[in-house]
Amino acid sequence: MRDDKVYREDGLSITSLSQRLGVQEYRLRRLINGRLGHRNFSAFVNGYRLTEVTAALADPSQVEVPILTIALDAGFGSIGPFNRAFKAHTGLTPTEYRRAQLGGAETTAPIPESASRT
């Protein structure tokens, strides 16, 4: 998972991972749930994805990269599941996390004047 970054692949499933590893699915499931202590396959995979995302959000060289891009590159399929998993993992939203890690250095696009009028 770490070396090949398999967690980034679209459509990754426990079946496809077990085939890739050449082990029976039930054995892989038992390893993930029992020995590694994850709730399920999704939690196992999201652990790798969240590790990558948190590192990227704390990296000053990636301050201009949109959070959605970072999430999609890490293997999340959409923003909703990403935001839920991220908040459950860190207790913060991705934006709050980035600001905390970078000391408020996150750049934000200015709001156009026409949009800020009420």
PDB file of N, CA and C in Angstrom:
ATOM      1  N   MET A   1       0.830  -1.185   0.000  1.00  0.00           N
ATOM      2  CA  MET A   1       0.000   0.000   0.000  1.00  0.00           C
ATOM      3  C   MET A   1       0.876   1.250   0.000  1.00  0.00           C
ATOM      4  N   ARG A   2       1.874   1.277   0.854  1.00  0.00           N
ATOM      5  CA  ARG A   2       2.720   2.459   0.955  1.00  0.00           C
ATOM      6  C   ARG A   2       3.613   2.641  -0.264  1.00  0.00           C
ATOM      7  N   ASP A   3       4.285   1.581  -0.670  1.00  0.00           N
ATOM      8  CA  ASP A   3       5.257   1.695  -1.757  1.00  0.00           C
ATOM      9  C   ASP A   3       4.611   1.976  -3.103  1.00  0.00           C
ATOM     10  N   ASP A   4       3.561   1.236  -3.432  1.00  0.00           N
ATOM     11  CA  ASP A   4       2.905   1.382  -4.736  1.00  0.00           C
ATOM     12  C   ASP A   4       1.750   2.369  -4.719  1.00  0.00           C
ATOM     13  N   LYS A   5       1.395   2.861  -3.541  1.00  0.00           N
ATOM     14  CA  LYS A   5       0.283   3.806  -3.388  1.00  0.00           C
ATOM     15  C   LYS A   5      -0.996   3.282  -4.041  1.00  0.00           C
ATOM     16  N   VAL A   6      -1.280   2.020  -3.794  1.00  0.00           N
ATOM     17  CA  VAL A   6      -2.451   1.349  -4.346  1.00  0.00           C
ATOM     18  C   VAL A   6      -3.733   2.052  -3.899  1.00  0.00           C
ATOM     19  N   TYR A   7      -3.715   2.669  -2.725  1.00  0.00           N
ATOM     20  CA  TYR A   7      -4.892   3.342  -2.188  1.00  0.00           C
ATOM     21  C   TYR A   7      -5.380   4.472  -3.083  1.00  0.00           C
ATOM     22  N   ARG A   8      -4.563   4.932  -4.008  1.00  0.00           N
ATOM     23  CA  ARG A   8      -4.956   6.000  -4.929  1.00  0.00           C
ATOM     24  C   ARG A   8      -5.798   5.506  -6.102  1.00  0.00           C
ATOM     25  N   GLU A   9      -5.814   4.216  -6.346  1.00  0.00           N
ATOM     26  CA  GLU A   9      -6.462   3.661  -7.531  1.00  0.00           C
ATOM     27  C   GLU A   9      -7.982   3.797  -7.486  1.00  0.00           C
ATOM     28  N   ASP A  10      -8.555   4.188  -8.632  1.00  0.00           N
ATOM     29  CA  ASP A  10     -10.016   4.236  -8.769  1.00  0.00           C
ATOM     30  C   ASP A  10     -10.573   2.826  -8.660  1.00  0.00           C
ATOM     31  N   GLY A  11     -11.683   2.706  -7.972  1.00  0.00           N
ATOM     32  CA  GLY A  11     -12.357   1.419  -7.889  1.00  0.00           C
ATOM     33  C   GLY A  11     -11.650   0.377  -7.054  1.00  0.00           C
ATOM     34  N   LEU A  12     -10.729   0.798  -6.206  1.00  0.00           N
ATOM     35  CA  LEU A  12     -10.038  -0.165  -5.353  1.00  0.00           C
ATOM     36  C   LEU A  12     -11.051  -0.843  -4.441  1.00  0.00           C
ATOM     37  N   SER A  13     -11.010  -2.148  -4.412  1.00  0.00           N
ATOM     38  CA  SER A  13     -11.899  -2.912  -3.547  1.00  0.00           C
ATOM     39  C   SER A  13     -11.085  -3.990  -2.850  1.00  0.00           C
ATOM     40  N   ILE A  14     -11.689  -4.588  -1.867  1.00  0.00           N
ATOM     41  CA  ILE A  14     -10.986  -5.667  -1.172  1.00  0.00           C
ATOM     42  C   ILE A  14     -10.749  -6.832  -2.124  1.00  0.00           C
ATOM     43  N   THR A  15     -11.674  -7.034  -3.058  1.00  0.00           N
ATOM     44  CA  THR A  15     -11.515  -8.107  -4.044  1.00  0.00           C
ATOM     45  C   THR A  15     -10.325  -7.832  -4.954  1.00  0.00           C
ATOM     46  N   SER A  16     -10.242  -6.606  -5.467  1.00  0.00           N
ATOM     47  CA  SER A  16      -9.133  -6.292  -6.374  1.00  0.00           C
ATOM     48  C   SER A  16      -7.793  -6.315  -5.639  1.00  0.00           C
ATOM     49  N   LEU A  17      -7.774  -5.877  -4.390  1.00  0.00           N
ATOM     50  CA  LEU A  17      -6.530  -5.912  -3.628  1.00  0.00           C
ATOM     51  C   LEU A  17      -6.125  -7.350  -3.316  1.00  0.00           C
ATOM     52  N   SER A  18      -7.081  -8.187  -2.968  1.00  0.00           N
ATOM     53  CA  SER A  18      -6.744  -9.590  -2.669  1.00  0.00           C
ATOM     54  C   SER A  18      -6.211 -10.292  -3.916  1.00  0.00           C
ATOM     55  N   GLN A  19      -6.791  -9.999  -5.063  1.00  0.00           N
ATOM     56  CA  GLN A  19      -6.294 -10.581  -6.308  1.00  0.00           C
ATOM     57  C   GLN A  19      -4.887 -10.085  -6.614  1.00  0.00           C
ATOM     58  N   ARG A  20      -4.661  -8.818  -6.404  1.00  0.00           N
ATOM     59  CA  ARG A  20      -3.343  -8.233  -6.648  1.00  0.00           C
ATOM     60  C   ARG A  20      -2.278  -8.861  -5.749  1.00  0.00           C
ATOM     61  N   LEU A  21      -2.668  -9.145  -4.509  1.00  0.00           N
ATOM     62  CA  LEU A  21      -1.732  -9.729  -3.551  1.00  0.00           C
ATOM     63  C   LEU A  21      -1.640 -11.250  -3.660  1.00  0.00           C
ATOM     64  N   GLY A  22      -2.614 -11.842  -4.350  1.00  0.00           N
ATOM     65  CA  GLY A  22      -2.620 -13.296  -4.490  1.00  0.00           C
ATOM     66  C   GLY A  22      -3.029 -14.017  -3.227  1.00  0.00           C
ATOM     67  N   VAL A  23      -3.922 -13.393  -2.445  1.00  0.00           N
ATOM     68  CA  VAL A  23      -4.431 -14.034  -1.231  1.00  0.00           C
ATOM     69  C   VAL A  23      -5.949 -14.100  -1.310  1.00  0.00           C
ATOM     70  N   GLN A  24      -6.508 -15.020  -0.564  1.00  0.00           N
ATOM     71  CA  GLN A  24      -7.958 -15.139  -0.551  1.00  0.00           C
ATOM     72  C   GLN A  24      -8.565 -13.929   0.166  1.00  0.00           C
ATOM     73  N   GLU A  25      -9.700 -13.487  -0.346  1.00  0.00           N
ATOM     74  CA  GLU A  25     -10.338 -12.285   0.188  1.00  0.00           C
ATOM     75  C   GLU A  25     -10.645 -12.397   1.676  1.00  0.00           C
ATOM     76  N   TYR A  26     -11.133 -13.544   2.103  1.00  0.00           N
ATOM     77  CA  TYR A  26     -11.484 -13.666   3.517  1.00  0.00           C
ATOM     78  C   TYR A  26     -10.250 -13.537   4.415  1.00  0.00           C
ATOM     79  N   ARG A  27      -9.085 -13.990   3.923  1.00  0.00           N
ATOM     80  CA  ARG A  27      -7.852 -13.857   4.710  1.00  0.00           C
ATOM     81  C   ARG A  27      -7.419 -12.391   4.807  1.00  0.00           C
ATOM     82  N   LEU A  28      -7.551 -11.675   3.704  1.00  0.00           N
ATOM     83  CA  LEU A  28      -7.210 -10.256   3.712  1.00  0.00           C
ATOM     84  C   LEU A  28      -8.156  -9.494   4.638  1.00  0.00           C
ATOM     85  N   ARG A  29      -9.423  -9.823   4.559  1.00  0.00           N
ATOM     86  CA  ARG A  29     -10.417  -9.170   5.421  1.00  0.00           C
ATOM     87  C   ARG A  29     -10.099  -9.445   6.900  1.00  0.00           C
ATOM     88  N   ARG A  30      -9.747 -10.681   7.201  1.00  0.00           N
ATOM     89  CA  ARG A  30      -9.407 -11.047   8.574  1.00  0.00           C
ATOM     90  C   ARG A  30      -8.169 -10.275   9.058  1.00  0.00           C
ATOM     91  N   LEU A  31      -7.185 -10.125   8.184  1.00  0.00           N
ATOM     92  CA  LEU A  31      -5.982  -9.365   8.524  1.00  0.00           C
ATOM     93  C   LEU A  31      -6.312  -7.902   8.796  1.00  0.00           C
ATOM     94  N   ILE A  32      -7.077  -7.298   7.895  1.00  0.00           N
ATOM     95  CA  ILE A  32      -7.418  -5.874   8.030  1.00  0.00           C
ATOM     96  C   ILE A  32      -8.254  -5.622   9.278  1.00  0.00           C
ATOM     97  N   ASN A  33      -9.271  -6.440   9.489  1.00  0.00           N
ATOM     98  CA  ASN A  33     -10.179  -6.220  10.614  1.00  0.00           C
ATOM     99  C   ASN A  33      -9.610  -6.714  11.935  1.00  0.00           C
ATOM    100  N   GLY A  34      -8.989  -7.870  11.903  1.00  0.00           N
ATOM    101  CA  GLY A  34      -8.513  -8.476  13.150  1.00  0.00           C
ATOM    102  C   GLY A  34      -7.141  -8.003  13.570  1.00  0.00           C
ATOM    103  N   ARG A  35      -6.153  -8.348  12.797  1.00  0.00           N
ATOM    104  CA  ARG A  35      -4.769  -8.074  13.198  1.00  0.00           C
ATOM    105  C   ARG A  35      -4.390  -6.611  13.092  1.00  0.00           C
ATOM    106  N   LEU A  36      -4.892  -5.915  12.077  1.00  0.00           N
ATOM    107  CA  LEU A  36      -4.552  -4.500  11.916  1.00  0.00           C
ATOM    108  C   LEU A  36      -5.514  -3.584  12.663  1.00  0.00           C
ATOM    109  N   GLY A  37      -6.679  -4.128  13.064  1.00  0.00           N
ATOM    110  CA  GLY A  37      -7.606  -3.398  13.914  1.00  0.00           C
ATOM    111  C   GLY A  37      -8.481  -2.356  13.243  1.00  0.00           C
ATOM    112  N   HIS A  38      -8.671  -2.461  11.950  1.00  0.00           N
ATOM    113  CA  HIS A  38      -9.536  -1.499  11.259  1.00  0.00           C
ATOM    114  C   HIS A  38     -10.974  -1.982  11.285  1.00  0.00           C
ATOM    115  N   ARG A  39     -11.895  -1.040  11.294  1.00  0.00           N
ATOM    116  CA  ARG A  39     -13.328  -1.327  11.292  1.00  0.00           C
ATOM    117  C   ARG A  39     -13.745  -2.104  10.059  1.00  0.00           C
ATOM    118  N   ASN A  40     -13.198  -1.679   8.922  1.00  0.00           N
ATOM    119  CA  ASN A  40     -13.542  -2.301   7.649  1.00  0.00           C
ATOM    120  C   ASN A  40     -12.487  -1.909   6.608  1.00  0.00           C
ATOM    121  N   PHE A  41     -12.661  -2.404   5.398  1.00  0.00           N
ATOM    122  CA  PHE A  41     -11.712  -2.141   4.326  1.00  0.00           C
ATOM    123  C   PHE A  41     -11.620  -0.648   4.026  1.00  0.00           C
ATOM    124  N   SER A  42     -12.749   0.017   4.021  1.00  0.00           N
ATOM    125  CA  SER A  42     -12.777   1.455   3.731  1.00  0.00           C
ATOM    126  C   SER A  42     -11.948   2.240   4.745  1.00  0.00           C
ATOM    127  N   ALA A  43     -12.076   1.928   6.010  1.00  0.00           N
ATOM    128  CA  ALA A  43     -11.298   2.605   7.049  1.00  0.00           C
ATOM    129  C   ALA A  43      -9.803   2.331   6.866  1.00  0.00           C
ATOM    130  N   PHE A  44      -9.473   1.120   6.482  1.00  0.00           N
ATOM    131  CA  PHE A  44      -8.080   0.744   6.219  1.00  0.00           C
ATOM    132  C   PHE A  44      -7.487   1.601   5.102  1.00  0.00           C
ATOM    133  N   VAL A  45      -8.196   1.684   3.995  1.00  0.00           N
ATOM    134  CA  VAL A  45      -7.711   2.450   2.838  1.00  0.00           C
ATOM    135  C   VAL A  45      -7.677   3.941   3.163  1.00  0.00           C
ATOM    136  N   ASN A  46      -8.722   4.425   3.815  1.00  0.00           N
ATOM    137  CA  ASN A  46      -8.773   5.849   4.136  1.00  0.00           C
ATOM    138  C   ASN A  46      -7.644   6.269   5.069  1.00  0.00           C
ATOM    139  N   GLY A  47      -7.153   5.355   5.875  1.00  0.00           N
ATOM    140  CA  GLY A  47      -6.008   5.676   6.731  1.00  0.00           C
ATOM    141  C   GLY A  47      -4.794   6.104   5.911  1.00  0.00           C
ATOM    142  N   TYR A  48      -4.529   5.394   4.840  1.00  0.00           N
ATOM    143  CA  TYR A  48      -3.421   5.758   3.956  1.00  0.00           C
ATOM    144  C   TYR A  48      -3.695   7.072   3.236  1.00  0.00           C
ATOM    145  N   ARG A  49      -4.922   7.227   2.777  1.00  0.00           N
ATOM    146  CA  ARG A  49      -5.290   8.455   2.074  1.00  0.00           C
ATOM    147  C   ARG A  49      -5.184   9.664   2.990  1.00  0.00           C
ATOM    148  N   LEU A  50      -5.667   9.526   4.207  1.00  0.00           N
ATOM    149  CA  LEU A  50      -5.631  10.645   5.149  1.00  0.00           C
ATOM    150  C   LEU A  50      -4.210  10.996   5.569  1.00  0.00           C
ATOM    151  N   THR A  51      -3.354  10.006   5.665  1.00  0.00           N
ATOM    152  CA  THR A  51      -1.947  10.280   5.967  1.00  0.00           C
ATOM    153  C   THR A  51      -1.332  11.139   4.866  1.00  0.00           C
ATOM    154  N   GLU A  52      -1.629  10.784   3.619  1.00  0.00           N
ATOM    155  CA  GLU A  52      -1.111  11.562   2.493  1.00  0.00           C
ATOM    156  C   GLU A  52      -1.688  12.974   2.477  1.00  0.00           C
ATOM    157  N   VAL A  53      -2.985  13.090   2.702  1.00  0.00           N
ATOM    158  CA  VAL A  53      -3.641  14.398   2.661  1.00  0.00           C
ATOM    159  C   VAL A  53      -3.140  15.297   3.785  1.00  0.00           C
ATOM    160  N   THR A  54      -3.035  14.778   5.002  1.00  0.00           N
ATOM    161  CA  THR A  54      -2.586  15.626   6.108  1.00  0.00           C
ATOM    162  C   THR A  54      -1.159  16.118   5.878  1.00  0.00           C
ATOM    163  N   ALA A  55      -0.318  15.273   5.307  1.00  0.00           N
ATOM    164  CA  ALA A  55       1.053  15.704   4.992  1.00  0.00           C
ATOM    165  C   ALA A  55       1.045  16.802   3.935  1.00  0.00           C
ATOM    166  N   ALA A  56       0.211  16.647   2.914  1.00  0.00           N
ATOM    167  CA  ALA A  56       0.140  17.647   1.849  1.00  0.00           C
ATOM    168  C   ALA A  56      -0.412  18.970   2.364  1.00  0.00           C
ATOM    169  N   LEU A  57      -1.414  18.915   3.220  1.00  0.00           N
ATOM    170  CA  LEU A  57      -2.000  20.149   3.750  1.00  0.00           C
ATOM    171  C   LEU A  57      -1.051  20.882   4.685  1.00  0.00           C
ATOM    172  N   ALA A  58      -0.117  20.174   5.277  1.00  0.00           N
ATOM    173  CA  ALA A  58       0.866  20.796   6.168  1.00  0.00           C
ATOM    174  C   ALA A  58       2.127  21.233   5.431  1.00  0.00           C
ATOM    175  N   ASP A  59       2.214  20.942   4.150  1.00  0.00           N
ATOM    176  CA  ASP A  59       3.398  21.243   3.348  1.00  0.00           C
ATOM    177  C   ASP A  59       3.299  22.653   2.762  1.00  0.00           C
ATOM    178  N   PRO A  60       4.168  23.561   3.187  1.00  0.00           N
ATOM    179  CA  PRO A  60       4.115  24.938   2.678  1.00  0.00           C
ATOM    180  C   PRO A  60       4.262  25.036   1.158  1.00  0.00           C
ATOM    181  N   SER A  61       4.931  24.074   0.546  1.00  0.00           N
ATOM    182  CA  SER A  61       5.108  24.129  -0.908  1.00  0.00           C
ATOM    183  C   SER A  61       3.813  23.790  -1.651  1.00  0.00           C
ATOM    184  N   GLN A  62       2.810  23.274  -0.933  1.00  0.00           N
ATOM    185  CA  GLN A  62       1.550  22.927  -1.572  1.00  0.00           C
ATOM    186  C   GLN A  62       0.401  23.848  -1.157  1.00  0.00           C
ATOM    187  N   VAL A  63       0.749  24.994  -0.606  1.00  0.00           N
ATOM    188  CA  VAL A  63      -0.278  25.914  -0.112  1.00  0.00           C
ATOM    189  C   VAL A  63      -1.211  26.396  -1.222  1.00  0.00           C
ATOM    190  N   GLU A  64      -0.740  26.448  -2.442  1.00  0.00           N
ATOM    191  CA  GLU A  64      -1.567  26.907  -3.565  1.00  0.00           C
ATOM    192  C   GLU A  64      -2.405  25.787  -4.193  1.00  0.00           C
ATOM    193  N   VAL A  65      -2.150  24.537  -3.818  1.00  0.00           N
ATOM    194  CA  VAL A  65      -2.885  23.412  -4.384  1.00  0.00           C
ATOM    195  C   VAL A  65      -4.249  23.326  -3.692  1.00  0.00           C
ATOM    196  N   PRO A  66      -5.337  23.339  -4.459  1.00  0.00           N
ATOM    197  CA  PRO A  66      -6.667  23.254  -3.833  1.00  0.00           C
ATOM    198  C   PRO A  66      -6.841  21.961  -3.034  1.00  0.00           C
ATOM    199  N   ILE A  67      -7.575  22.066  -1.955  1.00  0.00           N
ATOM    200  CA  ILE A  67      -7.820  20.913  -1.091  1.00  0.00           C
ATOM    201  C   ILE A  67      -8.490  19.787  -1.873  1.00  0.00           C
ATOM    202  N   LEU A  68      -9.424  20.116  -2.741  1.00  0.00           N
ATOM    203  CA  LEU A  68     -10.095  19.091  -3.533  1.00  0.00           C
ATOM    204  C   LEU A  68      -9.094  18.325  -4.396  1.00  0.00           C
ATOM    205  N   THR A  69      -8.153  19.012  -4.993  1.00  0.00           N
ATOM    206  CA  THR A  69      -7.134  18.354  -5.811  1.00  0.00           C
ATOM    207  C   THR A  69      -6.311  17.386  -4.976  1.00  0.00           C
ATOM    208  N   ILE A  70      -5.932  17.809  -3.794  1.00  0.00           N
ATOM    209  CA  ILE A  70      -5.152  16.955  -2.893  1.00  0.00           C
ATOM    210  C   ILE A  70      -5.964  15.709  -2.526  1.00  0.00           C
ATOM    211  N   ALA A  71      -7.236  15.895  -2.224  1.00  0.00           N
ATOM    212  CA  ALA A  71      -8.099  14.775  -1.843  1.00  0.00           C
ATOM    213  C   ALA A  71      -8.274  13.791  -2.997  1.00  0.00           C
ATOM    214  N   LEU A  72      -8.525  14.304  -4.184  1.00  0.00           N
ATOM    215  CA  LEU A  72      -8.713  13.431  -5.339  1.00  0.00           C
ATOM    216  C   LEU A  72      -7.427  12.702  -5.700  1.00  0.00           C
ATOM    217  N   ASP A  73      -6.298  13.386  -5.616  1.00  0.00           N
ATOM    218  CA  ASP A  73      -5.006  12.752  -5.902  1.00  0.00           C
ATOM    219  C   ASP A  73      -4.694  11.624  -4.922  1.00  0.00           C
ATOM    220  N   ALA A  74      -5.185  11.755  -3.693  1.00  0.00           N
ATOM    221  CA  ALA A  74      -4.943  10.729  -2.670  1.00  0.00           C
ATOM    222  C   ALA A  74      -5.871   9.537  -2.811  1.00  0.00           C
ATOM    223  N   GLY A  75      -6.867   9.635  -3.700  1.00  0.00           N
ATOM    224  CA  GLY A  75      -7.737   8.492  -3.943  1.00  0.00           C
ATOM    225  C   GLY A  75      -9.179   8.664  -3.521  1.00  0.00           C
ATOM    226  N   PHE A  76      -9.513   9.785  -2.882  1.00  0.00           N
ATOM    227  CA  PHE A  76     -10.907  10.010  -2.525  1.00  0.00           C
ATOM    228  C   PHE A  76     -11.687  10.295  -3.802  1.00  0.00           C
ATOM    229  N   GLY A  77     -12.890   9.758  -3.898  1.00  0.00           N
ATOM    230  CA  GLY A  77     -13.688   9.886  -5.112  1.00  0.00           C
ATOM    231  C   GLY A  77     -14.485  11.172  -5.193  1.00  0.00           C
ATOM    232  N   SER A  78     -14.797  11.760  -4.042  1.00  0.00           N
ATOM    233  CA  SER A  78     -15.569  12.997  -4.036  1.00  0.00           C
ATOM    234  C   SER A  78     -15.333  13.736  -2.728  1.00  0.00           C
ATOM    235  N   ILE A  79     -15.784  14.980  -2.688  1.00  0.00           N
ATOM    236  CA  ILE A  79     -15.490  15.850  -1.555  1.00  0.00           C
ATOM    237  C   ILE A  79     -16.269  15.467  -0.291  1.00  0.00           C
ATOM    238  N   GLY A  80     -17.511  14.986  -0.427  1.00  0.00           N
ATOM    239  CA  GLY A  80     -18.316  14.665   0.753  1.00  0.00           C
ATOM    240  C   GLY A  80     -17.693  13.598   1.632  1.00  0.00           C
ATOM    241  N   PRO A  81     -17.419  12.413   1.093  1.00  0.00           N
ATOM    242  CA  PRO A  81     -16.775  11.379   1.913  1.00  0.00           C
ATOM    243  C   PRO A  81     -15.400  11.806   2.439  1.00  0.00           C
ATOM    244  N   PHE A  82     -14.684  12.570   1.626  1.00  0.00           N
ATOM    245  CA  PHE A  82     -13.385  13.070   2.087  1.00  0.00           C
ATOM    246  C   PHE A  82     -13.549  13.957   3.313  1.00  0.00           C
ATOM    247  N   ASN A  83     -14.441  14.942   3.227  1.00  0.00           N
ATOM    248  CA  ASN A  83     -14.626  15.866   4.350  1.00  0.00           C
ATOM    249  C   ASN A  83     -15.048  15.135   5.615  1.00  0.00           C
ATOM    250  N   ARG A  84     -15.953  14.170   5.483  1.00  0.00           N
ATOM    251  CA  ARG A  84     -16.398  13.405   6.660  1.00  0.00           C
ATOM    252  C   ARG A  84     -15.249  12.602   7.266  1.00  0.00           C
ATOM    253  N   ALA A  85     -14.506  11.916   6.427  1.00  0.00           N
ATOM    254  CA  ALA A  85     -13.379  11.108   6.920  1.00  0.00           C
ATOM    255  C   ALA A  85     -12.307  11.996   7.544  1.00  0.00           C
ATOM    256  N   PHE A  86     -12.041  13.120   6.924  1.00  0.00           N
ATOM    257  CA  PHE A  86     -11.005  14.026   7.427  1.00  0.00           C
ATOM    258  C   PHE A  86     -11.392  14.582   8.797  1.00  0.00           C
ATOM    259  N   LYS A  87     -12.627  15.042   8.913  1.00  0.00           N
ATOM    260  CA  LYS A  87     -13.090  15.616  10.186  1.00  0.00           C
ATOM    261  C   LYS A  87     -13.094  14.552  11.283  1.00  0.00           C
ATOM    262  N   ALA A  88     -13.500  13.342  10.948  1.00  0.00           N
ATOM    263  CA  ALA A  88     -13.503  12.257  11.942  1.00  0.00           C
ATOM    264  C   ALA A  88     -12.081  11.920  12.374  1.00  0.00           C
ATOM    265  N   HIS A  89     -11.140  12.005  11.458  1.00  0.00           N
ATOM    266  CA  HIS A  89      -9.741  11.663  11.723  1.00  0.00           C
ATOM    267  C   HIS A  89      -9.017  12.740  12.531  1.00  0.00           C
ATOM    268  N   THR A  90      -9.242  14.011  12.185  1.00  0.00           N
ATOM    269  CA  THR A  90      -8.478  15.106  12.792  1.00  0.00           C
ATOM    270  C   THR A  90      -9.266  15.972  13.765  1.00  0.00           C
ATOM    271  N   GLY A  91     -10.600  15.933  13.651  1.00  0.00           N
ATOM    272  CA  GLY A  91     -11.423  16.821  14.464  1.00  0.00           C
ATOM    273  C   GLY A  91     -11.559  18.212  13.864  1.00  0.00           C
ATOM    274  N   LEU A  92     -10.938  18.423  12.713  1.00  0.00           N
ATOM    275  CA  LEU A  92     -10.965  19.721  12.031  1.00  0.00           C
ATOM    276  C   LEU A  92     -11.399  19.537  10.590  1.00  0.00           C
ATOM    277  N   THR A  93     -11.881  20.613   9.997  1.00  0.00           N
ATOM    278  CA  THR A  93     -12.122  20.567   8.555  1.00  0.00           C
ATOM    279  C   THR A  93     -10.762  20.651   7.870  1.00  0.00           C
ATOM    280  N   PRO A  94     -10.669  20.270   6.611  1.00  0.00           N
ATOM    281  CA  PRO A  94      -9.383  20.376   5.912  1.00  0.00           C
ATOM    282  C   PRO A  94      -8.833  21.804   5.898  1.00  0.00           C
ATOM    283  N   THR A  95      -9.701  22.791   5.716  1.00  0.00           N
ATOM    284  CA  THR A  95      -9.261  24.188   5.708  1.00  0.00           C
ATOM    285  C   THR A  95      -8.722  24.590   7.077  1.00  0.00           C
ATOM    286  N   GLU A  96      -9.426  24.219   8.138  1.00  0.00           N
ATOM    287  CA  GLU A  96      -8.961  24.535   9.495  1.00  0.00           C
ATOM    288  C   GLU A  96      -7.618  23.865   9.764  1.00  0.00           C
ATOM    289  N   TYR A  97      -7.488  22.625   9.342  1.00  0.00           N
ATOM    290  CA  TYR A  97      -6.247  21.888   9.543  1.00  0.00           C
ATOM    291  C   TYR A  97      -5.087  22.573   8.826  1.00  0.00           C
ATOM    292  N   ARG A  98      -5.304  22.937   7.581  1.00  0.00           N
ATOM    293  CA  ARG A  98      -4.252  23.599   6.797  1.00  0.00           C
ATOM    294  C   ARG A  98      -3.837  24.905   7.469  1.00  0.00           C
ATOM    295  N   ARG A  99      -4.805  25.690   7.886  1.00  0.00           N
ATOM    296  CA  ARG A  99      -4.490  26.966   8.552  1.00  0.00           C
ATOM    297  C   ARG A  99      -3.692  26.738   9.837  1.00  0.00           C
ATOM    298  N   ALA A 100      -4.106  25.747  10.618  1.00  0.00           N
ATOM    299  CA  ALA A 100      -3.409  25.461  11.870  1.00  0.00           C
ATOM    300  C   ALA A 100      -1.976  24.999  11.611  1.00  0.00           C
ATOM    301  N   GLN A 101      -1.785  24.169  10.593  1.00  0.00           N
ATOM    302  CA  GLN A 101      -0.460  23.646  10.286  1.00  0.00           C
ATOM    303  C   GLN A 101       0.462  24.699   9.688  1.00  0.00           C
ATOM    304  N   LEU A 102      -0.102  25.598   8.920  1.00  0.00           N
ATOM    305  CA  LEU A 102       0.713  26.596   8.235  1.00  0.00           C
ATOM    306  C   LEU A 102       0.681  27.953   8.925  1.00  0.00           C
ATOM    307  N   GLY A 103       0.097  28.006  10.105  1.00  0.00           N
ATOM    308  CA  GLY A 103       0.073  29.245  10.860  1.00  0.00           C
ATOM    309  C   GLY A 103      -0.698  30.356  10.168  1.00  0.00           C
ATOM    310  N   GLY A 104      -1.776  30.006   9.490  1.00  0.00           N
ATOM    311  CA  GLY A 104      -2.583  31.008   8.811  1.00  0.00           C
ATOM    312  C   GLY A 104      -2.005  31.466   7.498  1.00  0.00           C
ATOM    313  N   ALA A 105      -1.000  30.735   6.983  1.00  0.00           N
ATOM    314  CA  ALA A 105      -0.316  31.141   5.756  1.00  0.00           C
ATOM    315  C   ALA A 105      -1.078  30.786   4.495  1.00  0.00           C
ATOM    316  N   GLU A 106      -2.220  30.133   4.668  1.00  0.00           N
ATOM    317  CA  GLU A 106      -2.980  29.733   3.475  1.00  0.00           C
ATOM    318  C   GLU A 106      -3.430  30.975   2.722  1.00  0.00           C
ATOM    319  N   THR A 107      -3.251  30.934   1.432  1.00  0.00           N
ATOM    320  CA  THR A 107      -3.698  32.060   0.626  1.00  0.00           C
ATOM    321  C   THR A 107      -5.144  31.838   0.248  1.00  0.00           C
ATOM    322  N   THR A 108      -5.866  32.911   0.204  1.00  0.00           N
ATOM    323  CA  THR A 108      -7.243  32.823  -0.217  1.00  0.00           C
ATOM    324  C   THR A 108      -7.486  33.837  -1.302  1.00  0.00           C
ATOM    325  N   ALA A 109      -8.272  33.456  -2.265  1.00  0.00           N
ATOM    326  CA  ALA A 109      -8.585  34.375  -3.351  1.00  0.00           C
ATOM    327  C   ALA A 109      -9.475  35.474  -2.806  1.00  0.00           C
ATOM    328  N   PRO A 110      -9.234  36.701  -3.211  1.00  0.00           N
ATOM    329  CA  PRO A 110     -10.080  37.786  -2.727  1.00  0.00           C
ATOM    330  C   PRO A 110     -11.505  37.624  -3.257  1.00  0.00           C
ATOM    331  N   ILE A 111     -12.452  38.040  -2.454  1.00  0.00           N
ATOM    332  CA  ILE A 111     -13.850  37.974  -2.862  1.00  0.00           C
ATOM    333  C   ILE A 111     -14.123  39.163  -3.772  1.00  0.00           C
ATOM    334  N   PRO A 112     -14.648  38.916  -4.962  1.00  0.00           N
ATOM    335  CA  PRO A 112     -14.946  40.035  -5.849  1.00  0.00           C
ATOM    336  C   PRO A 112     -15.926  40.984  -5.179  1.00  0.00           C
ATOM    337  N   GLU A 113     -15.742  42.261  -5.403  1.00  0.00           N
ATOM    338  CA  GLU A 113     -16.579  43.264  -4.766  1.00  0.00           C
ATOM    339  C   GLU A 113     -18.057  43.047  -5.030  1.00  0.00           C
ATOM    340  N   SER A 114     -18.393  42.648  -6.248  1.00  0.00           N
ATOM    341  CA  SER A 114     -19.803  42.446  -6.590  1.00  0.00           C
ATOM    342  C   SER A 114     -20.409  41.304  -5.785  1.00  0.00           C
ATOM    343  N   ALA A 115     -19.615  40.319  -5.427  1.00  0.00           N
ATOM    344  CA  ALA A 115     -20.114  39.180  -4.661  1.00  0.00           C
ATOM    345  C   ALA A 115     -20.246  39.511  -3.185  1.00  0.00           C
ATOM    346  N   SER A 116     -19.492  40.502  -2.705  1.00  0.00           N
ATOM    347  CA  SER A 116     -19.522  40.789  -1.282  1.00  0.00           C
ATOM    348  C   SER A 116     -20.622  41.781  -0.925  1.00  0.00           C
ATOM    349  N   ARG A 117     -21.286  42.367  -1.888  1.00  0.00           N
ATOM    350  CA  ARG A 117     -22.382  43.299  -1.617  1.00  0.00           C
ATOM    351  C   ARG A 117     -23.650  42.538  -1.250  1.00  0.00           C
ATOM    352  N   THR A 118     -24.365  43.080  -0.287  1.00  0.00           N
ATOM    353  CA  THR A 118     -25.619  42.448   0.103  1.00  0.00           C
ATOM    354  C   THR A 118     -26.803  43.290  -0.209  1.00  0.00           C
TER     355      THR A 118
END
